[in-house]
Amino acid sequence: MPIDSPPDRPLATRDPRPRRHVLWVGRSGGLELTLARDAVAGIPGCTVRRLDAEWDDDAGPHPTCIVLVHERGGEWSPERALALSRRFPLVPIVAVAGSLADGRRRSGPFLAGIEEIAWHDLAGRLGAWFGDVETGIAGSIGLPPTARREDRILDAIRVSRPTEPPTRTPVSVVARDRTDLEGLVDLVRACGHVVEESALGRPAIDTLARVLVWDVRSIRPADLEWLRILAANRPGVAVVVLDSFPRGDSSAEALAAGAAAVLGRPVGLEVLAGTLASLAAARSA
């Protein structure tokens, strides 16, 4: 006689979100690249596998995306990048760079066909791209290697403005002056979310929003202290800090004080959209 499950026992359900496998190739790097890797691993449905140097005998799951770790110049040659591309011919490849590569990145990609992303933007870019893939859109990371930077920027604007966002998260926005505040409010709305509160200076302790985007311009000790107070009083609020020049030490202090993410300013639409989407997905999970 078959035995039925008790009616009061919930049946196990499978997570409908597909798993995303990121292959992290190269040296682990310093603090900044470690924070970038941890942020990518924190994207719901994403796993990160490290591969120090060789990939010929790699037997892990097929990667969704490959990240080349690039802390300073000369770590990757075109020949090594080409060999990796031949090993995974249909997998998008991007590079992540630390602060030492800030100046050079503005002049163009360091390897032909491989886009270089700042360490503090990587998780947001990948989070947005994973959402694009689920809806059948190539996204800026999935564009052909021959695409120019202008093509990727235009594509990022197009795909980051959903007409019907899956989750409209109430967001509180705070900035130091009105010009920055107005621009940030428009940017959050362009991501498809609702701006519930906006204020100048520093965020209120009794904020009701689930997500707080705080443009601090530059992380100061007073900001970290206020962030600790806010996290202690409102532990359910995810705080996204915008810093003009994110560095590993200051970003790590902000994360330890209670921030959910630290992004560079001016923040890009795709980076912010991906970050907010990941925070919403983590909350719902």
Protein backbone atom coordinates (compact mmCIF):
# COMPACT_ATOMS: atom_id res chain seq x y z
CA MET A 1 0.00 0.00 0.00
CA PRO A 2 1.59 3.31 -0.98
CA ILE A 3 2.37 5.68 1.80
CA ASP A 4 1.29 9.24 1.15
CA SER A 5 3.20 12.21 2.51
CA PRO A 6 1.58 13.79 5.59
CA PRO A 7 -0.52 16.78 4.54
CA ASP A 8 1.22 19.08 6.99
CA ARG A 9 4.72 18.33 5.64
CA PRO A 10 5.83 20.70 2.87
CA LEU A 11 7.20 19.03 -0.22
CA ALA A 12 10.74 19.90 -1.28
CA THR A 13 10.90 22.34 -4.15
CA ARG A 14 13.70 22.85 -6.62
CA ASP A 15 15.18 26.27 -7.17
CA PRO A 16 13.93 27.28 -10.66
CA ARG A 17 16.86 29.61 -11.24
CA PRO A 18 19.61 28.11 -13.42
CA ARG A 19 23.04 27.78 -11.91
CA ARG A 20 25.71 30.12 -13.26
CA HIS A 21 29.30 28.91 -13.17
CA VAL A 22 32.04 31.54 -13.26
CA LEU A 23 35.56 30.32 -13.96
CA TRP A 24 38.08 32.55 -12.15
CA VAL A 25 41.38 32.14 -13.99
CA GLY A 26 44.71 33.47 -12.75
CA ARG A 27 46.28 34.47 -9.50
CA SER A 28 43.94 35.22 -6.64
CA GLY A 29 45.25 38.79 -6.47
CA GLY A 30 45.15 41.15 -3.50
CA LEU A 31 42.34 42.43 -1.34
CA GLU A 32 40.40 44.15 -4.12
CA LEU A 33 40.23 41.11 -6.38
CA THR A 34 39.34 38.93 -3.41
CA LEU A 35 36.43 41.26 -2.62
CA ALA A 36 35.38 41.10 -6.28
CA ARG A 37 35.42 37.30 -6.26
CA ASP A 38 33.43 37.16 -3.03
CA ALA A 39 30.86 39.59 -4.46
CA VAL A 40 30.41 37.43 -7.57
CA ALA A 41 30.05 34.32 -5.42
CA GLY A 42 27.32 36.16 -3.50
CA ILE A 43 25.10 36.51 -6.59
CA PRO A 44 22.11 34.16 -6.08
CA GLY A 45 22.48 31.06 -8.24
CA CYS A 46 26.17 31.69 -8.98
CA THR A 47 29.22 29.59 -8.15
CA VAL A 48 32.86 30.59 -8.64
CA ARG A 49 35.64 28.11 -9.39
CA ARG A 50 39.26 29.14 -9.22
CA LEU A 51 41.74 27.94 -11.81
CA ASP A 52 45.25 29.15 -11.07
CA ALA A 53 46.97 28.70 -14.39
CA GLU A 54 46.19 25.55 -16.38
CA TRP A 55 42.85 24.53 -17.83
CA ASP A 56 43.66 21.53 -20.04
CA ASP A 57 42.61 19.00 -17.40
CA ASP A 58 39.70 21.01 -16.04
CA ALA A 59 36.79 18.61 -15.40
CA GLY A 60 34.38 20.95 -13.64
CA PRO A 61 31.00 22.13 -14.96
CA HIS A 62 31.02 24.05 -18.21
CA PRO A 63 31.49 27.75 -17.34
CA THR A 64 28.88 30.38 -18.06
CA CYS A 65 31.54 33.09 -18.05
CA ILE A 66 35.31 33.25 -17.67
CA VAL A 67 37.04 35.99 -15.69
CA LEU A 68 40.73 36.68 -16.24
CA VAL A 69 42.35 38.05 -13.10
CA HIS A 70 44.50 41.03 -14.00
CA GLU A 71 45.98 43.05 -11.17
CA ARG A 72 48.77 44.76 -13.09
CA GLY A 73 50.18 44.95 -16.61
CA GLY A 74 51.86 41.99 -18.29
CA GLU A 75 50.04 39.21 -16.44
CA TRP A 76 48.23 37.97 -19.55
CA SER A 77 49.56 37.60 -23.08
CA PRO A 78 47.41 37.42 -26.22
CA GLU A 79 48.62 33.85 -26.76
CA ARG A 80 47.38 32.66 -23.37
CA ALA A 81 44.05 34.42 -23.82
CA LEU A 82 43.65 32.88 -27.28
CA ALA A 83 44.37 29.39 -25.94
CA LEU A 84 41.70 29.86 -23.30
CA SER A 85 39.24 31.08 -25.93
CA ARG A 86 39.90 27.98 -28.02
CA ARG A 87 39.34 25.77 -24.99
CA PHE A 88 35.90 27.37 -24.42
CA PRO A 89 34.99 28.86 -27.82
CA LEU A 90 31.39 29.89 -26.96
CA VAL A 91 31.97 31.21 -23.44
CA PRO A 92 32.24 35.01 -22.93
CA ILE A 93 35.56 36.11 -21.46
CA VAL A 94 36.06 39.28 -19.44
CA ALA A 95 38.91 40.54 -17.33
CA VAL A 96 38.80 42.03 -13.84
CA ALA A 97 41.33 44.67 -12.89
CA GLY A 98 42.39 46.17 -9.59
CA SER A 99 43.08 49.81 -8.80
CA LEU A 100 46.59 49.63 -10.25
CA ALA A 101 45.01 49.34 -13.71
CA ASP A 102 42.64 52.30 -13.37
CA GLY A 103 44.54 54.67 -15.65
CA ARG A 104 45.21 52.22 -18.45
CA ARG A 105 41.64 50.91 -18.60
CA ARG A 106 40.33 54.27 -19.80
CA SER A 107 42.35 53.97 -23.01
CA GLY A 108 40.74 50.70 -24.11
CA PRO A 109 40.85 46.94 -23.47
CA PHE A 110 44.25 45.45 -22.72
CA LEU A 111 43.53 42.37 -24.85
CA ALA A 112 41.68 42.44 -28.16
CA GLY A 113 38.11 41.20 -27.82
CA ILE A 114 38.22 40.99 -24.02
CA GLU A 115 36.50 43.70 -22.01
CA GLU A 116 38.20 44.78 -18.80
CA ILE A 117 35.92 45.55 -15.84
CA ALA A 118 36.84 47.38 -12.65
CA TRP A 119 36.84 45.10 -9.62
CA HIS A 120 34.04 47.00 -7.89
CA ASP A 121 31.81 46.82 -11.01
CA LEU A 122 32.25 43.11 -11.76
CA ALA A 123 29.47 41.65 -9.61
CA GLY A 124 26.96 44.24 -10.82
CA ARG A 125 27.85 43.69 -14.49
CA LEU A 126 27.64 39.91 -14.17
CA GLY A 127 24.40 40.11 -12.20
CA ALA A 128 22.80 42.22 -14.92
CA TRP A 129 24.12 39.91 -17.63
CA PHE A 130 22.77 36.77 -15.92
CA GLY A 131 19.34 38.42 -15.99
CA ASP A 132 19.77 39.22 -19.68
CA VAL A 133 20.64 35.59 -20.46
CA GLU A 134 17.53 34.34 -18.69
CA THR A 135 15.37 36.53 -20.95
CA GLY A 136 17.19 35.49 -24.13
CA ILE A 137 19.19 38.70 -24.58
CA ALA A 138 22.90 38.64 -25.38
CA GLY A 139 23.67 41.57 -23.09
CA SER A 140 26.82 43.67 -23.16
CA ILE A 141 29.04 40.81 -21.93
CA GLY A 142 27.56 38.37 -24.43
CA LEU A 143 28.22 40.57 -27.46
CA PRO A 144 30.73 39.35 -30.07
CA PRO A 145 34.42 40.02 -29.31
CA THR A 146 34.53 42.44 -32.24
CA ALA A 147 31.99 44.77 -30.56
CA ARG A 148 33.32 48.21 -29.71
CA ARG A 149 33.02 49.83 -26.29
CA GLU A 150 30.36 52.15 -27.71
CA ASP A 151 28.31 49.12 -28.81
CA ARG A 152 28.50 47.62 -25.33
CA ILE A 153 27.46 50.88 -23.66
CA LEU A 154 24.46 51.30 -25.96
CA ASP A 155 23.41 47.69 -25.43
CA ALA A 156 23.74 48.09 -21.67
CA ILE A 157 21.39 51.09 -21.75
CA ARG A 158 18.85 49.16 -23.79
CA VAL A 159 18.73 46.00 -21.68
CA SER A 160 18.96 47.71 -18.28
CA ARG A 161 15.66 49.59 -18.67
CA PRO A 162 12.98 46.88 -18.31
CA THR A 163 9.38 47.85 -19.06
CA GLU A 164 8.10 45.30 -16.54
CA PRO A 165 10.81 44.61 -13.93
CA PRO A 166 10.40 41.28 -12.16
CA THR A 167 10.83 42.90 -8.75
CA ARG A 168 10.07 46.55 -8.01
CA THR A 169 12.12 47.13 -4.90
CA PRO A 170 11.44 50.21 -2.73
CA VAL A 171 14.73 52.13 -2.63
CA SER A 172 15.89 55.03 -0.50
CA VAL A 173 18.41 57.38 -2.13
CA VAL A 174 20.79 59.71 -0.27
CA ALA A 175 23.50 62.00 -1.67
CA ARG A 176 25.59 64.96 -0.51
CA ASP A 177 24.17 67.58 -2.90
CA ARG A 178 20.98 68.03 -4.89
CA THR A 179 22.53 67.53 -8.32
CA ASP A 180 23.93 64.12 -7.38
CA LEU A 181 20.66 63.23 -5.67
CA GLU A 182 18.48 64.04 -8.68
CA GLY A 183 20.72 62.07 -11.02
CA LEU A 184 20.77 59.07 -8.70
CA VAL A 185 16.98 59.12 -8.30
CA ASP A 186 16.58 59.05 -12.09
CA LEU A 187 19.10 56.22 -12.34
CA VAL A 188 17.30 54.05 -9.78
CA ARG A 189 13.99 54.64 -11.55
CA ALA A 190 15.60 53.76 -14.89
CA CYS A 191 16.53 50.41 -13.34
CA GLY A 192 12.82 49.78 -12.80
CA HIS A 193 12.64 50.33 -9.04
CA VAL A 194 10.60 52.67 -6.87
CA VAL A 195 12.28 55.56 -5.04
CA GLU A 196 10.47 55.58 -1.70
CA GLU A 197 12.65 58.21 0.00
CA SER A 198 15.30 60.71 -1.05
CA ALA A 199 17.38 62.93 1.19
CA LEU A 200 20.51 65.05 1.35
CA GLY A 201 23.40 64.40 3.71
CA ARG A 202 23.21 61.06 5.45
CA PRO A 203 20.40 58.47 5.64
CA ALA A 204 17.84 58.52 8.43
CA ILE A 205 18.03 55.77 11.02
CA ASP A 206 14.29 55.08 10.70
CA THR A 207 14.35 54.57 6.93
CA LEU A 208 11.58 52.26 5.74
CA ALA A 209 13.07 51.24 2.40
CA ARG A 210 14.46 47.75 1.90
CA VAL A 211 17.44 49.03 -0.07
CA LEU A 212 19.44 52.21 0.51
CA VAL A 213 21.72 53.73 -2.14
CA TRP A 214 24.05 56.16 -0.41
CA ASP A 215 26.38 58.38 -2.45
CA VAL A 216 29.08 59.32 0.06
CA ARG A 217 31.48 60.72 -2.61
CA SER A 218 34.42 59.51 -0.52
CA ILE A 219 34.23 57.10 2.41
CA ARG A 220 35.12 58.94 5.62
CA PRO A 221 35.35 57.71 9.23
CA ALA A 222 32.12 59.55 10.06
CA ASP A 223 30.35 57.70 7.25
CA LEU A 224 31.56 54.35 8.57
CA GLU A 225 30.37 55.19 12.07
CA TRP A 226 26.93 56.19 10.79
CA LEU A 227 26.83 53.02 8.71
CA ARG A 228 27.47 50.93 11.82
CA ILE A 229 24.67 52.72 13.67
CA LEU A 230 22.31 52.24 10.72
CA ALA A 231 23.16 48.55 10.39
CA ALA A 232 22.63 48.00 14.11
CA ASN A 233 19.23 49.72 14.13
CA ARG A 234 17.98 48.58 10.71
CA PRO A 235 19.62 45.19 10.05
CA GLY A 236 17.14 44.40 7.26
CA VAL A 237 18.22 47.32 5.07
CA ALA A 238 20.72 46.55 2.30
CA VAL A 239 23.04 49.57 1.96
CA VAL A 240 24.79 50.20 -1.37
CA VAL A 241 27.61 52.72 -0.90
CA LEU A 242 28.86 54.81 -3.83
CA ASP A 243 32.49 55.91 -3.54
CA SER A 244 34.43 58.05 -6.03
CA PHE A 245 37.58 55.92 -5.91
CA PRO A 246 36.87 52.55 -4.28
CA ARG A 247 39.95 50.97 -2.79
CA GLY A 248 40.28 47.60 -1.16
CA ASP A 249 40.92 48.81 2.38
CA SER A 250 38.15 51.42 2.50
CA SER A 251 35.66 49.10 0.78
CA ALA A 252 36.45 46.29 3.21
CA GLU A 253 35.84 48.69 6.12
CA ALA A 254 32.48 49.71 4.64
CA LEU A 255 31.46 46.08 4.16
CA ALA A 256 32.50 45.27 7.72
CA ALA A 257 30.47 48.25 8.96
CA GLY A 258 27.32 46.87 7.34
CA ALA A 259 27.31 47.80 3.65
CA ALA A 260 25.91 45.23 1.22
CA ALA A 261 28.02 46.52 -1.68
CA VAL A 262 30.48 49.28 -2.56
CA LEU A 263 30.32 50.67 -6.11
CA GLY A 264 32.28 53.36 -7.91
CA ARG A 265 30.77 56.71 -8.76
CA PRO A 266 29.52 57.82 -11.16
CA VAL A 267 27.88 54.42 -11.19
CA GLY A 268 26.81 52.91 -14.49
CA LEU A 269 23.22 51.95 -15.19
CA GLU A 270 24.07 48.30 -15.84
CA VAL A 271 26.19 48.02 -12.68
CA LEU A 272 23.49 49.50 -10.46
CA ALA A 273 20.72 47.47 -12.12
CA GLY A 274 22.63 44.23 -11.63
CA THR A 275 23.47 45.04 -8.01
CA LEU A 276 19.88 45.91 -7.10
CA ALA A 277 18.58 42.81 -8.89
CA SER A 278 21.00 40.57 -6.97
CA LEU A 279 19.99 42.14 -3.65
CA ALA A 280 16.30 41.63 -4.49
CA ALA A 281 16.92 38.00 -5.48
CA ALA A 282 18.89 37.34 -2.32
CA ARG A 283 16.09 38.80 -0.22
CA SER A 284 13.41 36.70 -1.93
CA ALA A 285 15.55 33.57 -1.57
